Structures are given as structure tokens and as C-alpha cells.
Amino acid sequence: MVITLALNKSEVVSLVGISVADLGEIGNVGPHNLLMLLKAYLDESRHSDGPKCVVAGWVGTLEQWAACEKEWLTKLKPRSSLHMNDLRWNSKRDRLKRLLEKMGPIPARHGLQRVAGGMKHQDYQEVVAGTIAERALSPYMGCVQLCLHAMLDTMSPRQHLHVYFEEQKEHAHHVGILHEAVFKERQMDHRLLGMTFLGKHESWCFQPADYLAFHLSTKAIDEECDKAVLTRPINGPGMGWNYDRAKLKRDVDYLTKQLGGASLPRFGASRKRKK
């Protein structure tokens, strides 16, 4: 798995400190070595259809998420959730427009920062598919890596990050490789405290992530289509990159050398002790 990426500079995240009481959410990290905790919630859109896979979401402090939650859930009423695939796009357009205009600006208003990574499916099929690198790199996991590095690239040594993803059972194999590479073998960055996969309905925080990812992937198809226009209120400046063909080719060469004929560990599989 490619961990180190040569990337351009991104926008600096706006950060504020957290209270000692908030540290209880991270079990093995004490206040003596943690000045600031960031949480990011990321979702994906069109990982298998459309021209582009997008992983996108929001990153911020616990206070920023708490303030966003209060306004998000209040403004959302009487609805209990907002998921793009559940909306009735072909009926009551004016009502839908008012809803999306009302909800879109909320995360940025509370200081949360947009983060996104994208990869064209055509580039993946022409550069990666059919090579040994396909065992470790999928469009989804490539976009996840871009998001991770975009966030870590803006952080100081005393800031820490925990990332939450919507559960993706179809990507369990690639997720396992990333977990092994980051937390067991490469120990990429001590600031990355963990990656947690949750069901879509286990956290409201995936709703603004879903909104943003849906807009960016829909926009890639046609910026002026009705869905892209209706979801524009969520759009704005942020951090992240798109995978280009040159980068994909470099990663294929790297993975080909690294993987060779070696088998890849499965996420959660126990290791047999050598006798």
C-alpha cells in the first residue's frame, strides 16, 4: 500500500483547542501528550459507477462537531436524516431546493473543513486494472489515502486525528491492507490515532459527508445537471486532490516492486506463530 505521496500544498485547517474532559473519547491517549483532537467523517460516492469515484467529508474539533450537530438536527426537523439517495429528485423540486439550501452551509458555518479525494474510473481501468497493484489499490482506497494525507499535511506534531468512514463491506480486503500498512507495519504517522468504520445510521455526521461526496461526484458528470445544481450549497473551498494518471503509474510501479509474489494479510485475520 502506498502511504507516502508527493502532493501539492493544501489549505490550512482552522483549529481550536479542546477541553480535558473531551479526551475521554480516546482511551489510551492522555492530556499530557494531546493538545488537540480532530475528528473527520468521510463518505464515498460512485465508487463503482459514473466517471469518478469520490471520497469526501468534513474535519474539525469536537466543539465544532458538537455545534454543527445542534444546528444540523434542529434545522433538519421534521426529517430524521438526510441521505442523498433517499431524496425524491423528480418531485417537489422547490421543497427539495429549500431543504438543501438550508442544510448545505451549516458545516462550514461552524468551522468544519471540507476534505475530498477523487479518481477517474477510466484512469484506474487503463492504468491499474489487471496489474498486481490491483490487489492493494482500488479507486475507493486511493481516494481515502488522498483524504488522509490532505488532513495530515495541515496538522502540527501536537495535533491528533481520528477518522470515521461509512462501512464499506465490498472494500474490506483493501481496508485490511491499509490498516496493516498504517498501524502495524509502516507506522505512518503517530498523529493518526485510528480509523473507525461505522454503519450509515450510526452517526449523523455521515449526512453532511454524504451530501458533499454526492455533489462532487455528480458535478463530475455534468456541472449543470439538476442534481449538481441543487446540491451546490454544500460546495466551497477545502483540501484534497484528484489522482492523475502520472501518479497512478508511479504507484503501480511501486506496488509491483513491493508486492511481488507475496500474499496479502486479510483484515482481522490472526497470524500463525512460527514454531
Protein backbone atom coordinates (compact mmCIF):
# COMPACT_ATOMS: atom_id res chain seq x y z
CA MET A 1 0.00 0.00 0.00
CA VAL A 2 1.35 3.39 -0.96
CA ILE A 3 1.49 5.64 2.09
CA THR A 4 3.90 8.42 1.16
CA LEU A 5 2.53 10.66 -1.60
CA ALA A 6 4.14 13.63 -3.34
CA LEU A 7 1.34 16.16 -3.12
CA ASN A 8 0.78 19.86 -3.56
CA LYS A 9 0.16 22.25 -0.67
CA SER A 10 -3.41 22.42 0.64
CA GLU A 11 -5.35 25.00 2.60
CA VAL A 12 -4.60 25.20 6.31
CA VAL A 13 -7.30 23.85 8.60
CA SER A 14 -8.75 26.26 11.14
CA LEU A 15 -8.22 24.69 14.57
CA VAL A 16 -9.18 25.43 18.15
CA GLY A 17 -8.24 23.66 21.40
CA ILE A 18 -10.38 21.08 23.19
CA SER A 19 -11.10 20.59 26.87
CA VAL A 20 -9.53 17.89 29.01
CA ALA A 21 -12.97 16.36 29.52
CA ASP A 22 -13.19 15.63 25.81
CA LEU A 23 -10.09 13.44 25.97
CA GLY A 24 -12.16 10.60 27.38
CA GLU A 25 -13.22 9.72 23.85
CA ILE A 26 -9.69 8.47 23.13
CA GLY A 27 -8.97 5.72 25.61
CA ASN A 28 -5.19 5.39 25.55
CA VAL A 29 -4.16 9.00 24.93
CA GLY A 30 -3.77 11.24 27.97
CA PRO A 31 -3.90 15.03 28.22
CA HIS A 32 -0.13 15.19 28.77
CA ASN A 33 0.56 14.29 25.15
CA LEU A 34 -2.56 15.56 23.38
CA LEU A 35 -3.17 19.23 22.74
CA MET A 36 -5.84 18.95 20.11
CA LEU A 37 -8.09 16.23 18.76
CA LEU A 38 -9.62 16.39 15.31
CA LYS A 39 -12.38 14.11 14.05
CA ALA A 40 -13.14 13.53 10.38
CA TYR A 41 -16.17 11.83 8.89
CA LEU A 42 -15.81 10.67 5.27
CA ASP A 43 -18.25 9.09 2.85
CA GLU A 44 -17.96 7.85 -0.71
CA SER A 45 -20.00 8.32 -3.85
CA ARG A 46 -19.95 6.45 -7.16
CA HIS A 47 -17.18 4.02 -6.25
CA SER A 48 -18.38 1.67 -8.97
CA ASP A 49 -20.45 3.77 -11.39
CA GLY A 50 -20.16 7.15 -13.03
CA PRO A 51 -16.92 8.66 -14.34
CA LYS A 52 -15.34 9.38 -10.97
CA CYS A 53 -15.04 7.86 -7.51
CA VAL A 54 -15.13 10.47 -4.74
CA VAL A 55 -14.44 10.15 -1.01
CA ALA A 56 -15.29 13.36 0.81
CA GLY A 57 -16.33 14.73 4.18
CA TRP A 58 -15.54 17.14 6.96
CA VAL A 59 -12.82 17.54 9.60
CA GLY A 60 -12.86 19.61 12.77
CA THR A 61 -12.60 19.65 16.54
CA LEU A 62 -15.08 18.13 18.95
CA GLU A 63 -16.53 21.56 19.73
CA GLN A 64 -17.05 22.29 16.06
CA TRP A 65 -18.80 18.97 15.52
CA ALA A 66 -20.99 19.50 18.58
CA ALA A 67 -22.07 22.96 17.41
CA CYS A 68 -22.74 21.64 13.91
CA GLU A 69 -24.78 18.74 15.30
CA LYS A 70 -27.04 21.05 17.26
CA GLU A 71 -27.91 23.21 14.26
CA TRP A 72 -27.99 20.33 11.76
CA LEU A 73 -30.50 18.23 13.70
CA THR A 74 -32.60 21.27 14.61
CA LYS A 75 -32.81 22.61 11.04
CA LEU A 76 -33.44 19.13 9.66
CA LYS A 77 -36.72 18.66 11.55
CA PRO A 78 -39.21 17.17 10.93
CA ARG A 79 -36.88 14.89 8.95
CA SER A 80 -34.77 12.48 10.99
CA SER A 81 -31.96 12.15 8.44
CA LEU A 82 -30.67 13.47 5.14
CA HIS A 83 -29.25 10.95 2.68
CA MET A 84 -28.91 11.89 -0.97
CA ASN A 85 -30.03 8.52 -2.36
CA ASP A 86 -33.25 8.71 -0.34
CA LEU A 87 -34.37 12.06 -1.75
CA ARG A 88 -37.17 12.32 -4.31
CA TRP A 89 -35.32 14.17 -7.04
CA ASN A 90 -38.13 14.03 -9.57
CA SER A 91 -40.87 15.59 -7.46
CA LYS A 92 -41.40 18.74 -5.36
CA ARG A 93 -38.22 20.39 -6.63
CA ASP A 94 -38.86 23.71 -4.84
CA ARG A 95 -39.22 21.99 -1.46
CA LEU A 96 -36.05 19.97 -2.07
CA LYS A 97 -34.19 23.13 -3.13
CA ARG A 98 -35.15 24.90 0.10
CA LEU A 99 -34.02 21.91 2.18
CA LEU A 100 -30.61 21.63 0.51
CA GLU A 101 -30.04 25.40 0.64
CA LYS A 102 -30.83 25.36 4.35
CA MET A 103 -28.59 22.42 5.23
CA GLY A 104 -25.62 22.97 2.89
CA PRO A 105 -23.93 25.93 4.64
CA ILE A 106 -24.20 24.52 8.19
CA PRO A 107 -20.90 22.55 8.48
CA ALA A 108 -18.72 25.40 7.18
CA ARG A 109 -20.57 27.90 9.38
CA HIS A 110 -19.26 26.02 12.43
CA GLY A 111 -15.66 25.85 11.21
CA LEU A 112 -15.63 22.32 9.77
CA GLN A 113 -13.33 21.97 6.77
CA ARG A 114 -14.07 20.13 3.54
CA VAL A 115 -11.74 17.32 2.50
CA ALA A 116 -12.00 15.24 -0.66
CA GLY A 117 -10.14 12.82 -2.90
CA GLY A 118 -11.12 11.78 -6.41
CA MET A 119 -10.11 9.24 -9.04
CA LYS A 120 -11.43 8.75 -12.57
CA HIS A 121 -12.60 5.20 -13.20
CA GLN A 122 -11.23 5.30 -16.76
CA ASP A 123 -7.75 6.12 -15.46
CA TYR A 124 -7.94 3.25 -12.99
CA GLN A 125 -9.11 0.77 -15.64
CA GLU A 126 -6.40 1.76 -18.09
CA VAL A 127 -3.51 2.05 -15.62
CA VAL A 128 -4.19 -0.21 -12.61
CA ALA A 129 -6.75 -2.88 -13.56
CA GLY A 130 -5.14 -6.18 -14.48
CA THR A 131 -1.83 -5.41 -12.76
CA ILE A 132 -0.58 -6.81 -9.46
CA ALA A 133 -1.20 -3.37 -7.95
CA GLU A 134 -4.94 -4.02 -8.22
CA ARG A 135 -4.61 -6.31 -5.19
CA ALA A 136 -3.79 -3.34 -2.96
CA LEU A 137 -5.17 -0.27 -4.69
CA SER A 138 -8.82 0.37 -5.55
CA PRO A 139 -10.41 3.68 -6.55
CA TYR A 140 -12.03 3.90 -3.12
CA MET A 141 -8.82 3.28 -1.16
CA GLY A 142 -6.83 5.59 -3.42
CA CYS A 143 -9.29 8.39 -2.60
CA VAL A 144 -9.11 7.52 1.10
CA GLN A 145 -5.32 7.91 1.02
CA LEU A 146 -5.63 11.32 -0.63
CA CYS A 147 -8.00 12.46 2.12
CA LEU A 148 -5.74 11.16 4.90
CA HIS A 149 -2.70 12.92 3.52
CA ALA A 150 -4.57 16.14 2.84
CA MET A 151 -5.54 16.30 6.52
CA LEU A 152 -2.20 15.18 7.94
CA ASP A 153 -0.38 17.64 5.69
CA THR A 154 -2.06 20.55 7.51
CA MET A 155 -1.53 19.32 11.08
CA SER A 156 1.20 20.11 13.60
CA PRO A 157 3.07 17.38 15.56
CA ARG A 158 0.86 18.02 18.61
CA GLN A 159 -2.45 17.60 16.80
CA HIS A 160 -4.17 14.25 16.51
CA LEU A 161 -6.77 12.84 14.16
CA HIS A 162 -9.37 10.08 14.28
CA VAL A 163 -11.13 9.28 11.01
CA TYR A 164 -14.57 7.71 10.69
CA PHE A 165 -15.70 6.06 7.46
CA GLU A 166 -19.07 4.75 6.43
CA GLU A 167 -18.79 0.97 6.48
CA GLN A 168 -17.87 -0.46 3.08
CA LYS A 169 -18.12 -4.25 3.14
CA GLU A 170 -17.11 -4.54 -0.51
CA HIS A 171 -13.81 -2.84 0.31
CA ALA A 172 -12.97 -4.94 3.39
CA HIS A 173 -9.93 -6.50 1.69
CA HIS A 174 -8.35 -3.18 0.75
CA VAL A 175 -9.25 -1.67 4.13
CA GLY A 176 -7.35 -4.51 5.78
CA ILE A 177 -4.26 -3.78 3.73
CA LEU A 178 -4.39 -0.11 4.65
CA HIS A 179 -4.83 -0.99 8.33
CA GLU A 180 -1.83 -3.31 8.24
CA ALA A 181 0.31 -0.75 6.44
CA VAL A 182 -0.58 2.21 8.63
CA PHE A 183 -0.88 0.75 12.11
CA LYS A 184 1.21 -2.43 12.15
CA GLU A 185 4.00 -2.29 9.61
CA ARG A 186 4.71 1.22 8.41
CA GLN A 187 3.50 3.19 11.47
CA MET A 188 2.86 6.05 9.08
CA ASP A 189 2.11 8.90 11.44
CA HIS A 190 1.65 9.00 15.21
CA ARG A 191 -0.90 11.78 14.80
CA LEU A 192 -3.37 9.39 13.15
CA LEU A 193 -4.96 7.79 16.20
CA GLY A 194 -7.35 5.47 14.42
CA MET A 195 -9.74 4.67 11.61
CA THR A 196 -13.23 3.52 12.54
CA PHE A 197 -15.87 2.12 10.20
CA LEU A 198 -19.49 2.69 11.19
CA GLY A 199 -22.86 1.94 9.64
CA LYS A 200 -24.55 4.79 7.78
CA HIS A 201 -27.11 5.33 10.53
CA GLU A 202 -24.69 5.04 13.46
CA SER A 203 -23.67 8.69 13.27
CA TRP A 204 -25.45 11.78 11.95
CA CYS A 205 -22.00 13.09 10.90
CA PHE A 206 -22.12 10.99 7.74
CA GLN A 207 -25.06 13.07 6.48
CA PRO A 208 -23.06 16.21 5.59
CA ALA A 209 -20.27 13.94 4.29
CA ASP A 210 -22.74 12.12 2.06
CA TYR A 211 -24.11 15.47 0.84
CA LEU A 212 -20.63 16.73 -0.12
CA ALA A 213 -19.47 13.47 -1.75
CA PHE A 214 -22.70 13.23 -3.75
CA HIS A 215 -22.31 16.78 -5.05
CA LEU A 216 -18.69 16.33 -6.10
CA SER A 217 -19.30 13.04 -7.90
CA THR A 218 -22.47 14.34 -9.59
CA LYS A 219 -20.66 17.50 -10.62
CA ALA A 220 -18.05 15.33 -12.35
CA ILE A 221 -20.76 14.00 -14.66
CA ASP A 222 -22.35 17.34 -15.55
CA GLU A 223 -21.91 20.58 -13.58
CA GLU A 224 -25.23 21.89 -14.88
CA CYS A 225 -27.38 18.81 -14.31
CA ASP A 226 -30.25 19.33 -11.89
CA LYS A 227 -28.75 17.28 -9.05
CA ALA A 228 -25.41 19.08 -9.27
CA VAL A 229 -27.14 22.46 -9.24
CA LEU A 230 -29.43 21.60 -6.32
CA THR A 231 -26.51 20.36 -4.19
CA ARG A 232 -24.24 23.37 -4.80
CA PRO A 233 -24.94 24.88 -1.35
CA ILE A 234 -22.60 22.28 0.19
CA ASN A 235 -19.70 23.20 -2.11
CA GLY A 236 -16.82 25.53 -1.27
CA PRO A 237 -13.05 25.69 -0.67
CA GLY A 238 -11.36 22.80 1.07
CA MET A 239 -8.39 20.44 0.98
CA GLY A 240 -7.63 17.38 -1.13
CA TRP A 241 -6.51 16.21 -4.55
CA ASN A 242 -7.50 14.20 -7.59
CA TYR A 243 -5.43 11.18 -8.55
CA ASP A 244 -3.94 11.76 -12.00
CA ARG A 245 -2.63 9.16 -14.43
CA ALA A 246 1.01 10.03 -13.75
CA LYS A 247 0.57 9.40 -10.03
CA LEU A 248 -1.29 6.16 -10.69
CA LYS A 249 1.55 4.92 -12.90
CA ARG A 250 4.12 5.72 -10.21
CA ASP A 251 2.05 3.88 -7.60
CA VAL A 252 1.61 0.84 -9.87
CA ASP A 253 5.40 0.65 -10.32
CA TYR A 254 5.92 0.99 -6.55
CA LEU A 255 3.33 -1.64 -5.65
CA THR A 256 4.61 -4.05 -8.28
CA LYS A 257 8.05 -3.95 -6.66
CA GLN A 258 6.67 -4.16 -3.11
CA LEU A 259 4.12 -6.92 -3.61
CA GLY A 260 5.89 -9.28 -5.97
CA GLY A 261 4.51 -12.71 -5.22
CA ALA A 262 3.83 -12.03 -1.55
CA SER A 263 0.40 -12.81 -0.16
CA LEU A 264 -1.54 -10.00 1.48
CA PRO A 265 -2.95 -10.21 5.02
CA ARG A 266 -6.71 -10.10 5.49
CA PHE A 267 -8.11 -7.55 7.91
CA GLY A 268 -8.74 -9.14 11.31
CA ALA A 269 -7.05 -12.42 10.40
CA SER A 270 -4.89 -13.93 13.12
CA ARG A 271 -1.23 -14.54 12.44
CA LYS A 272 0.04 -18.06 12.98
CA ARG A 273 3.03 -18.25 15.26
CA LYS A 274 6.15 -19.75 13.84
CA LYS A 275 7.21 -22.92 15.60
